[in-house]
Amino acid sequence: FPAYPDTAPIDLRFVFADEAPAGRHGFLKAAGDHFEFEDGTEARFWGTNFNSGLCFPSHDYAEQVAERLAKYGCNIVRFHQMDSEWATPNIFQFTKGPRQANSSAPDPESLDRLDYLIACLKKNGVYVYLDMLTYRKFKSGDGVENAAALGDCARPFNCTHPTLIALQKRYMEQMWMHVNPYTGLAYRDEPAIVLSEIVNEDDLFSRKVARIEPYFSHYCELYRTWAQANGAAFDSATFDPDANDDDQVRFKVHTMERHYRDMIAFQRGLGVKIPLTGTNWTINGAVTRAQNVTDYNDGHAYFSWGRFDDTTRRCNDLALTQQPGRFGRLAFNRLPDKP
């Protein structure tokens, strides 16, 4: 099967001839258990991910890849890991150079390339799923204490500590209010951008609450305050934030829900209209439950996730015939009356 860099061996655009440009049906919305556009057209998406540095192609390649995706019948692209420091380029730094002291604003060149890619996708009837926080490395210059000790995305403190939350909101504002010169629309006003999530693959259960200060002490204080208000026991000398007893499960669901409500309300205040979700994986029923306060639930199920054995054929066999539970995993992600 030939994979050309500038074209495709098939052209399915005739099937979707009435769907371009993306956004012609108005903004996407959650309607019961499905998505539909403002004009009542039910929305169905089939697409792919653009990861890290590949979210910022040159203008000529953006034109090629957008047209090629449309030929294959793709109608959505998820922009993922744009904020990853290890990627070149990333949203904060187009080329490697001196160590960045902060992550205060998108790099103009990165943003220009992203703008043009979105414009090309829109022209070809391809919609956009925009991640917010994925692998961002917070910096001391951002006013983040002990920044070097925090991992990518500052998991799990990104949903508990006010400094980290404020930095996420600043980035959201920078992105949603930015006007794309190639479409003439701010991202918040762009109907070709249809979905967004607050944070990639994060929760308070699988992500351990590390003893990094001042984040750990702040987390303990949050739990103490909640426990006092909800009749739960708290002993600072014996408190284990990863024990996940019944009280801690209730607290963690409450904390995640509160964070999602706050971040969604902030984005609505910016004028963002599209469906928003919290995170995009389902580790357990409690994490799924926390998504009830969002507009939709995004959960992943993988076929032989990147694990290549000695032959491609074996990998494909594993993916398609020997891995039970893919549909069960997807069903587990489902919430009543939500897409």
C-alpha atoms as a PDB file:
ATOM      1  CA  PHE A   1       0.000   0.000   0.000  1.00  0.00           C
ATOM      2  CA  PRO A   2       1.827   3.149  -1.138  1.00  0.00           C
ATOM      3  CA  ALA A   3       2.110   6.019   1.328  1.00  0.00           C
ATOM      4  CA  TYR A   4       3.040   9.056  -0.693  1.00  0.00           C
ATOM      5  CA  PRO A   5       4.191  12.240   1.067  1.00  0.00           C
ATOM      6  CA  ASP A   6       2.131  14.544  -1.133  1.00  0.00           C
ATOM      7  CA  THR A   7      -0.910  12.553  -2.282  1.00  0.00           C
ATOM      8  CA  ALA A   8      -2.874   9.327  -1.742  1.00  0.00           C
ATOM      9  CA  PRO A   9      -3.666   6.289  -3.926  1.00  0.00           C
ATOM     10  CA  ILE A  10      -7.388   6.840  -3.309  1.00  0.00           C
ATOM     11  CA  ASP A  11      -9.568   9.941  -3.213  1.00  0.00           C
ATOM     12  CA  LEU A  12     -12.710   9.759  -1.084  1.00  0.00           C
ATOM     13  CA  ARG A  13     -13.405  13.479  -1.115  1.00  0.00           C
ATOM     14  CA  PHE A  14     -16.397  12.986  -3.392  1.00  0.00           C
ATOM     15  CA  VAL A  15     -18.181  11.230  -0.509  1.00  0.00           C
ATOM     16  CA  PHE A  16     -17.851  14.371   1.625  1.00  0.00           C
ATOM     17  CA  ALA A  17     -18.134  16.969  -1.119  1.00  0.00           C
ATOM     18  CA  ASP A  18     -20.847  18.849   0.774  1.00  0.00           C
ATOM     19  CA  GLU A  19     -18.924  18.928   4.073  1.00  0.00           C
ATOM     20  CA  ALA A  20     -16.105  21.336   3.200  1.00  0.00           C
ATOM     21  CA  PRO A  21     -15.082  23.698   4.561  1.00  0.00           C
ATOM     22  CA  ALA A  22     -15.150  22.332   8.098  1.00  0.00           C
ATOM     23  CA  GLY A  23     -17.472  24.376  10.256  1.00  0.00           C
ATOM     24  CA  ARG A  24     -20.143  25.004   7.641  1.00  0.00           C
ATOM     25  CA  HIS A  25     -22.766  23.417   9.905  1.00  0.00           C
ATOM     26  CA  GLY A  26     -21.951  25.741  12.806  1.00  0.00           C
ATOM     27  CA  PHE A  27     -20.447  24.912  16.174  1.00  0.00           C
ATOM     28  CA  LEU A  28     -20.454  21.387  17.543  1.00  0.00           C
ATOM     29  CA  LYS A  29     -22.564  20.609  20.618  1.00  0.00           C
ATOM     30  CA  ALA A  30     -23.341  17.620  22.798  1.00  0.00           C
ATOM     31  CA  ALA A  31     -26.960  16.541  22.279  1.00  0.00           C
ATOM     32  CA  GLY A  32     -27.854  13.687  24.599  1.00  0.00           C
ATOM     33  CA  ASP A  33     -25.598  10.747  23.828  1.00  0.00           C
ATOM     34  CA  HIS A  34     -24.255  12.096  20.537  1.00  0.00           C
ATOM     35  CA  PHE A  35     -22.696  15.130  18.912  1.00  0.00           C
ATOM     36  CA  GLU A  36     -24.479  17.368  16.469  1.00  0.00           C
ATOM     37  CA  PHE A  37     -23.840  20.712  14.835  1.00  0.00           C
ATOM     38  CA  GLU A  38     -25.838  23.888  15.285  1.00  0.00           C
ATOM     39  CA  ASP A  39     -27.923  23.232  12.176  1.00  0.00           C
ATOM     40  CA  GLY A  40     -29.000  19.822  13.539  1.00  0.00           C
ATOM     41  CA  THR A  41     -26.606  17.712  11.447  1.00  0.00           C
ATOM     42  CA  GLU A  42     -25.401  14.705  13.459  1.00  0.00           C
ATOM     43  CA  ALA A  43     -21.608  14.654  13.729  1.00  0.00           C
ATOM     44  CA  ARG A  44     -19.452  11.588  13.231  1.00  0.00           C
ATOM     45  CA  PHE A  45     -15.690  11.754  13.173  1.00  0.00           C
ATOM     46  CA  TRP A  46     -12.951   9.449  11.939  1.00  0.00           C
ATOM     47  CA  GLY A  47      -9.437  10.719  12.127  1.00  0.00           C
ATOM     48  CA  THR A  48      -5.951  10.653  13.533  1.00  0.00           C
ATOM     49  CA  ASN A  49      -3.456  12.332  15.868  1.00  0.00           C
ATOM     50  CA  PHE A  50      -0.753  14.830  15.026  1.00  0.00           C
ATOM     51  CA  ASN A  51       1.851  14.557  17.769  1.00  0.00           C
ATOM     52  CA  SER A  52       4.342  16.992  19.267  1.00  0.00           C
ATOM     53  CA  GLY A  53       6.563  18.689  16.684  1.00  0.00           C
ATOM     54  CA  LEU A  54       4.484  17.403  13.778  1.00  0.00           C
ATOM     55  CA  CYS A  55       1.719  19.826  14.773  1.00  0.00           C
ATOM     56  CA  PHE A  56       3.853  22.610  13.277  1.00  0.00           C
ATOM     57  CA  PRO A  57       4.676  21.710   9.659  1.00  0.00           C
ATOM     58  CA  SER A  58       5.909  24.091   7.012  1.00  0.00           C
ATOM     59  CA  HIS A  59       3.182  25.833   5.016  1.00  0.00           C
ATOM     60  CA  ASP A  60       3.737  23.764   1.876  1.00  0.00           C
ATOM     61  CA  TYR A  61       3.600  20.494   3.790  1.00  0.00           C
ATOM     62  CA  ALA A  62       0.498  21.639   5.705  1.00  0.00           C
ATOM     63  CA  GLU A  63      -1.271  22.001   2.354  1.00  0.00           C
ATOM     64  CA  GLN A  64      -0.166  18.535   1.264  1.00  0.00           C
ATOM     65  CA  VAL A  65      -1.051  16.716   4.457  1.00  0.00           C
ATOM     66  CA  ALA A  66      -4.470  18.362   4.768  1.00  0.00           C
ATOM     67  CA  GLU A  67      -5.392  17.359   1.226  1.00  0.00           C
ATOM     68  CA  ARG A  68      -4.023  13.846   1.726  1.00  0.00           C
ATOM     69  CA  LEU A  69      -6.053  13.301   4.896  1.00  0.00           C
ATOM     70  CA  ALA A  70      -9.202  14.416   3.095  1.00  0.00           C
ATOM     71  CA  LYS A  71      -8.484  11.944   0.296  1.00  0.00           C
ATOM     72  CA  TYR A  72      -8.305   9.147   2.877  1.00  0.00           C
ATOM     73  CA  GLY A  73     -11.669  10.174   4.314  1.00  0.00           C
ATOM     74  CA  CYS A  74     -10.362  11.598   7.589  1.00  0.00           C
ATOM     75  CA  ASN A  75     -12.442  14.444   8.960  1.00  0.00           C
ATOM     76  CA  ILE A  76     -10.774  15.207  12.299  1.00  0.00           C
ATOM     77  CA  VAL A  77      -7.253  15.669  13.653  1.00  0.00           C
ATOM     78  CA  ARG A  78      -6.299  15.772  17.315  1.00  0.00           C
ATOM     79  CA  PHE A  79      -3.391  18.101  18.070  1.00  0.00           C
ATOM     80  CA  HIS A  80      -1.548  16.282  20.839  1.00  0.00           C
ATOM     81  CA  GLN A  81       1.581  16.946  22.923  1.00  0.00           C
ATOM     82  CA  MET A  82       2.038  20.422  21.425  1.00  0.00           C
ATOM     83  CA  ASP A  83       3.396  21.652  24.777  1.00  0.00           C
ATOM     84  CA  SER A  84       6.035  18.925  25.165  1.00  0.00           C
ATOM     85  CA  GLU A  85       9.435  20.416  25.963  1.00  0.00           C
ATOM     86  CA  TRP A  86      11.187  17.400  24.437  1.00  0.00           C
ATOM     87  CA  ALA A  87       9.584  18.100  21.052  1.00  0.00           C
ATOM     88  CA  THR A  88      11.088  20.304  18.350  1.00  0.00           C
ATOM     89  CA  PRO A  89       9.276  22.483  17.660  1.00  0.00           C
ATOM     90  CA  ASN A  90       6.757  22.827  20.483  1.00  0.00           C
ATOM     91  CA  ILE A  91       4.146  25.481  21.144  1.00  0.00           C
ATOM     92  CA  PHE A  92       6.494  27.446  23.436  1.00  0.00           C
ATOM     93  CA  GLN A  93       9.749  27.106  21.482  1.00  0.00           C
ATOM     94  CA  PHE A  94      10.157  26.658  17.733  1.00  0.00           C
ATOM     95  CA  THR A  95      13.846  25.695  17.776  1.00  0.00           C
ATOM     96  CA  LYS A  96      16.159  24.421  20.461  1.00  0.00           C
ATOM     97  CA  GLY A  97      18.449  27.022  21.926  1.00  0.00           C
ATOM     98  CA  PRO A  98      19.115  28.484  25.370  1.00  0.00           C
ATOM     99  CA  ARG A  99      17.147  26.886  28.151  1.00  0.00           C
ATOM    100  CA  GLN A 100      13.790  28.571  28.513  1.00  0.00           C
ATOM    101  CA  ALA A 101      13.343  30.365  31.803  1.00  0.00           C
ATOM    102  CA  ASN A 102       9.556  30.232  31.528  1.00  0.00           C
ATOM    103  CA  SER A 103       6.695  28.975  29.407  1.00  0.00           C
ATOM    104  CA  SER A 104       4.846  32.247  29.403  1.00  0.00           C
ATOM    105  CA  ALA A 105       3.590  32.487  25.803  1.00  0.00           C
ATOM    106  CA  PRO A 106       3.360  30.524  22.546  1.00  0.00           C
ATOM    107  CA  ASP A 107       6.282  30.947  20.161  1.00  0.00           C
ATOM    108  CA  PRO A 108       5.228  33.154  17.205  1.00  0.00           C
ATOM    109  CA  GLU A 109       6.663  30.798  14.568  1.00  0.00           C
ATOM    110  CA  SER A 110       5.057  27.712  16.133  1.00  0.00           C
ATOM    111  CA  LEU A 111       1.741  29.492  16.380  1.00  0.00           C
ATOM    112  CA  ASP A 112       1.927  30.709  12.775  1.00  0.00           C
ATOM    113  CA  ARG A 113       2.490  27.173  11.519  1.00  0.00           C
ATOM    114  CA  LEU A 114      -0.348  25.838  13.660  1.00  0.00           C
ATOM    115  CA  ASP A 115      -2.619  28.599  12.343  1.00  0.00           C
ATOM    116  CA  TYR A 116      -1.843  27.743   8.743  1.00  0.00           C
ATOM    117  CA  LEU A 117      -2.311  24.003   9.313  1.00  0.00           C
ATOM    118  CA  ILE A 118      -5.729  24.597  10.886  1.00  0.00           C
ATOM    119  CA  ALA A 119      -6.688  26.798   7.921  1.00  0.00           C
ATOM    120  CA  CYS A 120      -5.620  24.065   5.474  1.00  0.00           C
ATOM    121  CA  LEU A 121      -7.509  21.366   7.356  1.00  0.00           C
ATOM    122  CA  LYS A 122     -10.608  23.549   7.528  1.00  0.00           C
ATOM    123  CA  LYS A 123     -10.497  24.163   3.780  1.00  0.00           C
ATOM    124  CA  ASN A 124     -10.440  20.400   3.186  1.00  0.00           C
ATOM    125  CA  GLY A 125     -13.311  19.621   5.559  1.00  0.00           C
ATOM    126  CA  VAL A 126     -11.123  18.318   8.410  1.00  0.00           C
ATOM    127  CA  TYR A 127     -12.038  19.342  11.962  1.00  0.00           C
ATOM    128  CA  VAL A 128      -9.728  19.928  14.946  1.00  0.00           C
ATOM    129  CA  TYR A 129      -9.589  18.426  18.442  1.00  0.00           C
ATOM    130  CA  LEU A 130      -7.426  20.752  20.541  1.00  0.00           C
ATOM    131  CA  ASP A 131      -5.572  19.482  23.616  1.00  0.00           C
ATOM    132  CA  MET A 132      -4.705  21.930  26.371  1.00  0.00           C
ATOM    133  CA  LEU A 133      -2.318  20.473  28.986  1.00  0.00           C
ATOM    134  CA  THR A 134      -0.411  17.348  27.951  1.00  0.00           C
ATOM    135  CA  TYR A 135       3.346  17.283  28.701  1.00  0.00           C
ATOM    136  CA  ARG A 136       4.116  20.887  29.577  1.00  0.00           C
ATOM    137  CA  LYS A 137       7.134  21.327  31.828  1.00  0.00           C
ATOM    138  CA  PHE A 138       6.420  24.172  34.209  1.00  0.00           C
ATOM    139  CA  LYS A 139       9.373  26.485  34.891  1.00  0.00           C
ATOM    140  CA  SER A 140      10.783  28.382  37.848  1.00  0.00           C
ATOM    141  CA  GLY A 141      10.393  31.519  35.739  1.00  0.00           C
ATOM    142  CA  ASP A 142       6.660  30.853  35.704  1.00  0.00           C
ATOM    143  CA  GLY A 143       6.644  31.377  39.460  1.00  0.00           C
ATOM    144  CA  VAL A 144       6.527  27.625  40.108  1.00  0.00           C
ATOM    145  CA  GLU A 145       8.346  26.533  43.242  1.00  0.00           C
ATOM    146  CA  ASN A 146      10.511  23.428  43.032  1.00  0.00           C
ATOM    147  CA  ALA A 147       9.687  23.233  39.335  1.00  0.00           C
ATOM    148  CA  ALA A 148      12.548  20.860  38.520  1.00  0.00           C
ATOM    149  CA  ALA A 149      11.055  18.192  40.792  1.00  0.00           C
ATOM    150  CA  LEU A 150       7.702  18.230  39.004  1.00  0.00           C
ATOM    151  CA  GLY A 151       7.317  15.864  36.105  1.00  0.00           C
ATOM    152  CA  ASP A 152       5.650  16.468  32.753  1.00  0.00           C
ATOM    153  CA  CYS A 153       2.263  18.096  33.210  1.00  0.00           C
ATOM    154  CA  ALA A 154       2.987  18.402  36.975  1.00  0.00           C
ATOM    155  CA  ARG A 155       0.763  15.368  37.566  1.00  0.00           C
ATOM    156  CA  PRO A 156      -1.300  15.144  39.695  1.00  0.00           C
ATOM    157  CA  PHE A 157      -0.916  18.580  41.272  1.00  0.00           C
ATOM    158  CA  ASN A 158      -2.081  20.379  38.129  1.00  0.00           C
ATOM    159  CA  CYS A 159      -5.660  19.954  39.365  1.00  0.00           C
ATOM    160  CA  THR A 160      -5.026  20.940  43.005  1.00  0.00           C
ATOM    161  CA  HIS A 161      -2.438  23.718  43.300  1.00  0.00           C
ATOM    162  CA  PRO A 162      -3.574  27.283  42.506  1.00  0.00           C
ATOM    163  CA  THR A 163      -0.292  28.376  40.865  1.00  0.00           C
ATOM    164  CA  LEU A 164      -0.408  25.527  38.369  1.00  0.00           C
ATOM    165  CA  ILE A 165      -4.108  26.065  37.713  1.00  0.00           C
ATOM    166  CA  ALA A 166      -3.553  29.777  37.075  1.00  0.00           C
ATOM    167  CA  LEU A 167      -0.820  28.976  34.535  1.00  0.00           C
ATOM    168  CA  GLN A 168      -3.139  26.603  32.696  1.00  0.00           C
ATOM    169  CA  LYS A 169      -5.822  29.272  32.552  1.00  0.00           C
ATOM    170  CA  ARG A 170      -3.346  31.775  31.160  1.00  0.00           C
ATOM    171  CA  TYR A 171      -2.406  29.350  28.387  1.00  0.00           C
ATOM    172  CA  MET A 172      -6.072  28.631  27.645  1.00  0.00           C
ATOM    173  CA  GLU A 173      -6.726  32.338  27.345  1.00  0.00           C
ATOM    174  CA  GLN A 174      -3.737  32.820  25.050  1.00  0.00           C
ATOM    175  CA  MET A 175      -4.926  30.047  22.755  1.00  0.00           C
ATOM    176  CA  TRP A 176      -8.668  30.667  22.676  1.00  0.00           C
ATOM    177  CA  MET A 177      -8.353  34.429  22.246  1.00  0.00           C
ATOM    178  CA  HIS A 178      -5.677  34.174  19.551  1.00  0.00           C
ATOM    179  CA  VAL A 179      -6.862  35.284  16.096  1.00  0.00           C
ATOM    180  CA  ASN A 180      -5.779  33.031  13.244  1.00  0.00           C
ATOM    181  CA  PRO A 181      -4.673  35.407  10.462  1.00  0.00           C
ATOM    182  CA  TYR A 182      -5.397  32.756   7.813  1.00  0.00           C
ATOM    183  CA  THR A 183      -9.062  32.368   8.796  1.00  0.00           C
ATOM    184  CA  GLY A 184      -9.686  35.743  10.420  1.00  0.00           C
ATOM    185  CA  LEU A 185     -11.237  34.036  13.438  1.00  0.00           C
ATOM    186  CA  ALA A 186     -10.152  33.672  17.037  1.00  0.00           C
ATOM    187  CA  TYR A 187      -9.881  30.041  18.088  1.00  0.00           C
ATOM    188  CA  ARG A 188     -12.908  30.499  20.357  1.00  0.00           C
ATOM    189  CA  ASP A 189     -14.921  31.628  17.312  1.00  0.00           C
ATOM    190  CA  GLU A 190     -13.675  28.898  14.970  1.00  0.00           C
ATOM    191  CA  PRO A 191     -16.379  26.248  14.300  1.00  0.00           C
ATOM    192  CA  ALA A 192     -13.752  23.980  12.687  1.00  0.00           C
ATOM    193  CA  ILE A 193     -12.335  23.446  16.202  1.00  0.00           C
ATOM    194  CA  VAL A 194     -14.887  21.057  17.681  1.00  0.00           C
ATOM    195  CA  LEU A 195     -13.543  19.429  20.860  1.00  0.00           C
ATOM    196  CA  SER A 196     -11.051  20.102  23.639  1.00  0.00           C
ATOM    197  CA  GLU A 197      -9.839  18.463  26.834  1.00  0.00           C
ATOM    198  CA  ILE A 198      -8.435  20.057  29.973  1.00  0.00           C
ATOM    199  CA  VAL A 199      -5.605  17.630  30.700  1.00  0.00           C
ATOM    200  CA  ASN A 200      -4.159  14.555  29.028  1.00  0.00           C
ATOM    201  CA  GLU A 201      -4.217  11.226  30.890  1.00  0.00           C
ATOM    202  CA  ASP A 202      -4.362  12.505  34.436  1.00  0.00           C
ATOM    203  CA  ASP A 203      -6.206  11.583  37.610  1.00  0.00           C
ATOM    204  CA  LEU A 204      -5.705  11.345  41.372  1.00  0.00           C
ATOM    205  CA  PHE A 205      -5.688   7.553  41.504  1.00  0.00           C
ATOM    206  CA  SER A 206      -3.053   6.163  39.136  1.00  0.00           C
ATOM    207  CA  ARG A 207      -0.860   9.272  39.477  1.00  0.00           C
ATOM    208  CA  LYS A 208       0.832   9.101  42.855  1.00  0.00           C
ATOM    209  CA  VAL A 209       0.800  12.119  45.154  1.00  0.00           C
ATOM    210  CA  ALA A 210       4.542  12.658  45.482  1.00  0.00           C
ATOM    211  CA  ARG A 211       6.007  14.395  48.518  1.00  0.00           C
ATOM    212  CA  ILE A 212       7.101  17.474  46.611  1.00  0.00           C
ATOM    213  CA  GLU A 213       6.678  20.764  48.434  1.00  0.00           C
ATOM    214  CA  PRO A 214       4.750  22.980  48.614  1.00  0.00           C
ATOM    215  CA  TYR A 215       2.349  20.843  46.584  1.00  0.00           C
ATOM    216  CA  PHE A 216       2.139  17.893  48.943  1.00  0.00           C
ATOM    217  CA  SER A 217       1.382  20.020  52.017  1.00  0.00           C
ATOM    218  CA  HIS A 218      -1.236  21.936  50.064  1.00  0.00           C
ATOM    219  CA  TYR A 219      -2.839  18.648  48.983  1.00  0.00           C
ATOM    220  CA  CYS A 220      -2.921  17.420  52.591  1.00  0.00           C
ATOM    221  CA  GLU A 221      -4.562  20.678  53.670  1.00  0.00           C
ATOM    222  CA  LEU A 222      -7.208  20.279  50.980  1.00  0.00           C
ATOM    223  CA  TYR A 223      -7.982  16.816  52.292  1.00  0.00           C
ATOM    224  CA  ARG A 224      -8.015  17.962  55.918  1.00  0.00           C
ATOM    225  CA  THR A 225     -10.512  20.711  55.092  1.00  0.00           C
ATOM    226  CA  TRP A 226     -12.697  18.338  53.110  1.00  0.00           C
ATOM    227  CA  ALA A 227     -12.523  15.640  55.798  1.00  0.00           C
ATOM    228  CA  GLN A 228     -13.569  18.088  58.496  1.00  0.00           C
ATOM    229  CA  ALA A 229     -16.565  19.198  56.432  1.00  0.00           C
ATOM    230  CA  ASN A 230     -17.599  15.647  55.521  1.00  0.00           C
ATOM    231  CA  GLY A 231     -17.127  13.784  58.787  1.00  0.00           C
ATOM    232  CA  ALA A 232     -14.029  11.872  57.689  1.00  0.00           C
ATOM    233  CA  ALA A 233     -10.995  11.146  59.825  1.00  0.00           C
ATOM    234  CA  PHE A 234      -7.672  12.833  59.191  1.00  0.00           C
ATOM    235  CA  ASP A 235      -4.387  12.256  61.002  1.00  0.00           C
ATOM    236  CA  SER A 236      -1.475  14.124  59.462  1.00  0.00           C
ATOM    237  CA  ALA A 237       0.995  11.675  61.007  1.00  0.00           C
ATOM    238  CA  THR A 238      -0.494   8.615  59.300  1.00  0.00           C
ATOM    239  CA  PHE A 239      -2.150  10.114  56.224  1.00  0.00           C
ATOM    240  CA  ASP A 240      -1.371   8.169  53.057  1.00  0.00           C
ATOM    241  CA  PRO A 241      -2.719  10.045  50.013  1.00  0.00           C
ATOM    242  CA  ASP A 242      -2.470   6.931  47.844  1.00  0.00           C
ATOM    243  CA  ALA A 243      -4.392   4.594  50.153  1.00  0.00           C
ATOM    244  CA  ASN A 244      -7.679   5.152  48.299  1.00  0.00           C
ATOM    245  CA  ASP A 245     -10.009   4.186  51.120  1.00  0.00           C
ATOM    246  CA  ASP A 246     -13.678   5.093  50.761  1.00  0.00           C
ATOM    247  CA  ASP A 247     -13.207   8.615  52.115  1.00  0.00           C
ATOM    248  CA  GLN A 248     -10.278   9.344  49.838  1.00  0.00           C
ATOM    249  CA  VAL A 249     -12.158   8.064  46.816  1.00  0.00           C
ATOM    250  CA  ARG A 250     -14.969  10.494  47.595  1.00  0.00           C
ATOM    251  CA  PHE A 251     -12.472  13.312  48.096  1.00  0.00           C
ATOM    252  CA  LYS A 252     -10.632  12.612  44.862  1.00  0.00           C
ATOM    253  CA  VAL A 253     -13.803  12.474  42.796  1.00  0.00           C
ATOM    254  CA  HIS A 254     -14.920  15.725  44.431  1.00  0.00           C
ATOM    255  CA  THR A 255     -11.561  17.372  43.712  1.00  0.00           C
ATOM    256  CA  MET A 256     -11.485  16.307  40.071  1.00  0.00           C
ATOM    257  CA  GLU A 257     -15.086  17.384  39.546  1.00  0.00           C
ATOM    258  CA  ARG A 258     -14.414  20.763  41.133  1.00  0.00           C
ATOM    259  CA  HIS A 259     -11.382  21.287  38.919  1.00  0.00           C
ATOM    260  CA  TYR A 260     -13.265  20.367  35.754  1.00  0.00           C
ATOM    261  CA  ARG A 261     -16.161  22.655  36.631  1.00  0.00           C
ATOM    262  CA  ASP A 262     -13.772  25.518  37.325  1.00  0.00           C
ATOM    263  CA  MET A 263     -11.787  25.078  34.113  1.00  0.00           C
ATOM    264  CA  ILE A 264     -14.887  24.664  31.976  1.00  0.00           C
ATOM    265  CA  ALA A 265     -16.490  27.747  33.525  1.00  0.00           C
ATOM    266  CA  PHE A 266     -13.294  29.715  32.850  1.00  0.00           C
ATOM    267  CA  GLN A 267     -13.290  28.731  29.186  1.00  0.00           C
ATOM    268  CA  ARG A 268     -16.992  29.495  28.840  1.00  0.00           C
ATOM    269  CA  GLY A 269     -16.183  32.926  30.245  1.00  0.00           C
ATOM    270  CA  LEU A 270     -13.720  33.373  27.383  1.00  0.00           C
ATOM    271  CA  GLY A 271     -16.513  32.632  24.917  1.00  0.00           C
ATOM    272  CA  VAL A 272     -15.612  29.009  24.136  1.00  0.00           C
ATOM    273  CA  LYS A 273     -18.740  27.276  22.813  1.00  0.00           C
ATOM    274  CA  ILE A 274     -17.671  23.733  21.928  1.00  0.00           C
ATOM    275  CA  PRO A 275     -17.958  20.569  24.085  1.00  0.00           C
ATOM    276  CA  LEU A 276     -15.205  20.269  26.705  1.00  0.00           C
ATOM    277  CA  THR A 277     -14.055  17.264  28.707  1.00  0.00           C
ATOM    278  CA  GLY A 278     -11.808  16.753  31.711  1.00  0.00           C
ATOM    279  CA  THR A 279      -9.292  14.071  30.895  1.00  0.00           C
ATOM    280  CA  ASN A 280      -9.062  11.369  28.282  1.00  0.00           C
ATOM    281  CA  TRP A 281      -8.557   8.080  29.982  1.00  0.00           C
ATOM    282  CA  THR A 282     -10.579   5.864  32.233  1.00  0.00           C
ATOM    283  CA  ILE A 283      -8.522   4.134  34.903  1.00  0.00           C
ATOM    284  CA  ASN A 284     -11.433   3.189  37.141  1.00  0.00           C
ATOM    285  CA  GLY A 285     -15.078   3.912  37.769  1.00  0.00           C
ATOM    286  CA  ALA A 286     -14.293   6.903  39.975  1.00  0.00           C
ATOM    287  CA  VAL A 287     -12.412   8.664  37.160  1.00  0.00           C
ATOM    288  CA  THR A 288     -15.285   7.895  34.804  1.00  0.00           C
ATOM    289  CA  ARG A 289     -17.730   9.291  37.344  1.00  0.00           C
ATOM    290  CA  ALA A 290     -15.809  12.560  37.589  1.00  0.00           C
ATOM    291  CA  GLN A 291     -16.386  13.125  33.861  1.00  0.00           C
ATOM    292  CA  ASN A 292     -20.118  13.447  34.546  1.00  0.00           C
ATOM    293  CA  VAL A 293     -19.618  17.172  35.136  1.00  0.00           C
ATOM    294  CA  THR A 294     -18.096  17.615  31.654  1.00  0.00           C
ATOM    295  CA  ASP A 295     -19.761  17.683  28.241  1.00  0.00           C
ATOM    296  CA  TYR A 296     -18.502  14.318  26.994  1.00  0.00           C
ATOM    297  CA  ASN A 297     -16.195  11.474  27.978  1.00  0.00           C
ATOM    298  CA  ASP A 298     -13.079  10.653  25.999  1.00  0.00           C
ATOM    299  CA  GLY A 299     -11.531   7.265  26.716  1.00  0.00           C
ATOM    300  CA  HIS A 300      -8.904   5.323  24.820  1.00  0.00           C
ATOM    301  CA  ALA A 301      -8.622   1.662  23.874  1.00  0.00           C
ATOM    302  CA  TYR A 302      -5.504   0.519  22.051  1.00  0.00           C
ATOM    303  CA  PHE A 303      -4.789  -2.229  19.549  1.00  0.00           C
ATOM    304  CA  SER A 304      -1.317  -3.628  20.304  1.00  0.00           C
ATOM    305  CA  TRP A 305      -0.239  -0.218  21.519  1.00  0.00           C
ATOM    306  CA  GLY A 306       3.025   0.404  19.671  1.00  0.00           C
ATOM    307  CA  ARG A 307       4.347  -3.054  20.516  1.00  0.00           C
ATOM    308  CA  PHE A 308       5.942  -4.566  17.452  1.00  0.00           C
ATOM    309  CA  ASP A 309       6.985  -8.185  17.593  1.00  0.00           C
ATOM    310  CA  ASP A 310       9.297  -9.902  15.136  1.00  0.00           C
ATOM    311  CA  THR A 311       6.971  -9.392  12.188  1.00  0.00           C
ATOM    312  CA  THR A 312       4.381  -6.851  11.211  1.00  0.00           C
ATOM    313  CA  ARG A 313       1.964  -9.693  10.559  1.00  0.00           C
ATOM    314  CA  ARG A 314       2.216 -10.911  14.125  1.00  0.00           C
ATOM    315  CA  CYS A 315       1.604  -7.378  15.372  1.00  0.00           C
ATOM    316  CA  ASN A 316      -1.514  -7.126  13.222  1.00  0.00           C
ATOM    317  CA  ASP A 317      -2.752 -10.527  14.383  1.00  0.00           C
ATOM    318  CA  LEU A 318      -2.322  -9.479  18.010  1.00  0.00           C
ATOM    319  CA  ALA A 319      -4.113  -6.253  17.339  1.00  0.00           C
ATOM    320  CA  LEU A 320      -7.122  -7.706  15.561  1.00  0.00           C
ATOM    321  CA  THR A 321      -7.667 -11.213  16.906  1.00  0.00           C
ATOM    322  CA  GLN A 322      -5.855 -11.870  20.177  1.00  0.00           C
ATOM    323  CA  GLN A 323      -6.488  -8.892  22.427  1.00  0.00           C
ATOM    324  CA  PRO A 324      -9.803  -9.216  24.234  1.00  0.00           C
ATOM    325  CA  GLY A 325     -11.543  -6.358  25.896  1.00  0.00           C
ATOM    326  CA  ARG A 326     -11.262  -3.509  23.395  1.00  0.00           C
ATOM    327  CA  PHE A 327     -15.015  -3.056  23.130  1.00  0.00           C
ATOM    328  CA  GLY A 328     -15.418  -3.721  26.818  1.00  0.00           C
ATOM    329  CA  ARG A 329     -12.932  -0.975  27.583  1.00  0.00           C
ATOM    330  CA  LEU A 330     -14.755   1.456  25.345  1.00  0.00           C
ATOM    331  CA  ALA A 331     -18.098   0.488  26.880  1.00  0.00           C
ATOM    332  CA  PHE A 332     -16.632   1.145  30.339  1.00  0.00           C
ATOM    333  CA  ASN A 333     -15.915   4.710  29.233  1.00  0.00           C
ATOM    334  CA  ARG A 334     -19.547   5.324  28.361  1.00  0.00           C
ATOM    335  CA  LEU A 335     -21.620   7.686  30.493  1.00  0.00           C
ATOM    336  CA  PRO A 336     -25.434   7.814  30.323  1.00  0.00           C
ATOM    337  CA  ASP A 337     -26.711  10.578  28.070  1.00  0.00           C
ATOM    338  CA  LYS A 338     -23.238  11.804  27.126  1.00  0.00           C
ATOM    339  CA  PRO A 339     -21.247  11.378  23.930  1.00  0.00           C
END
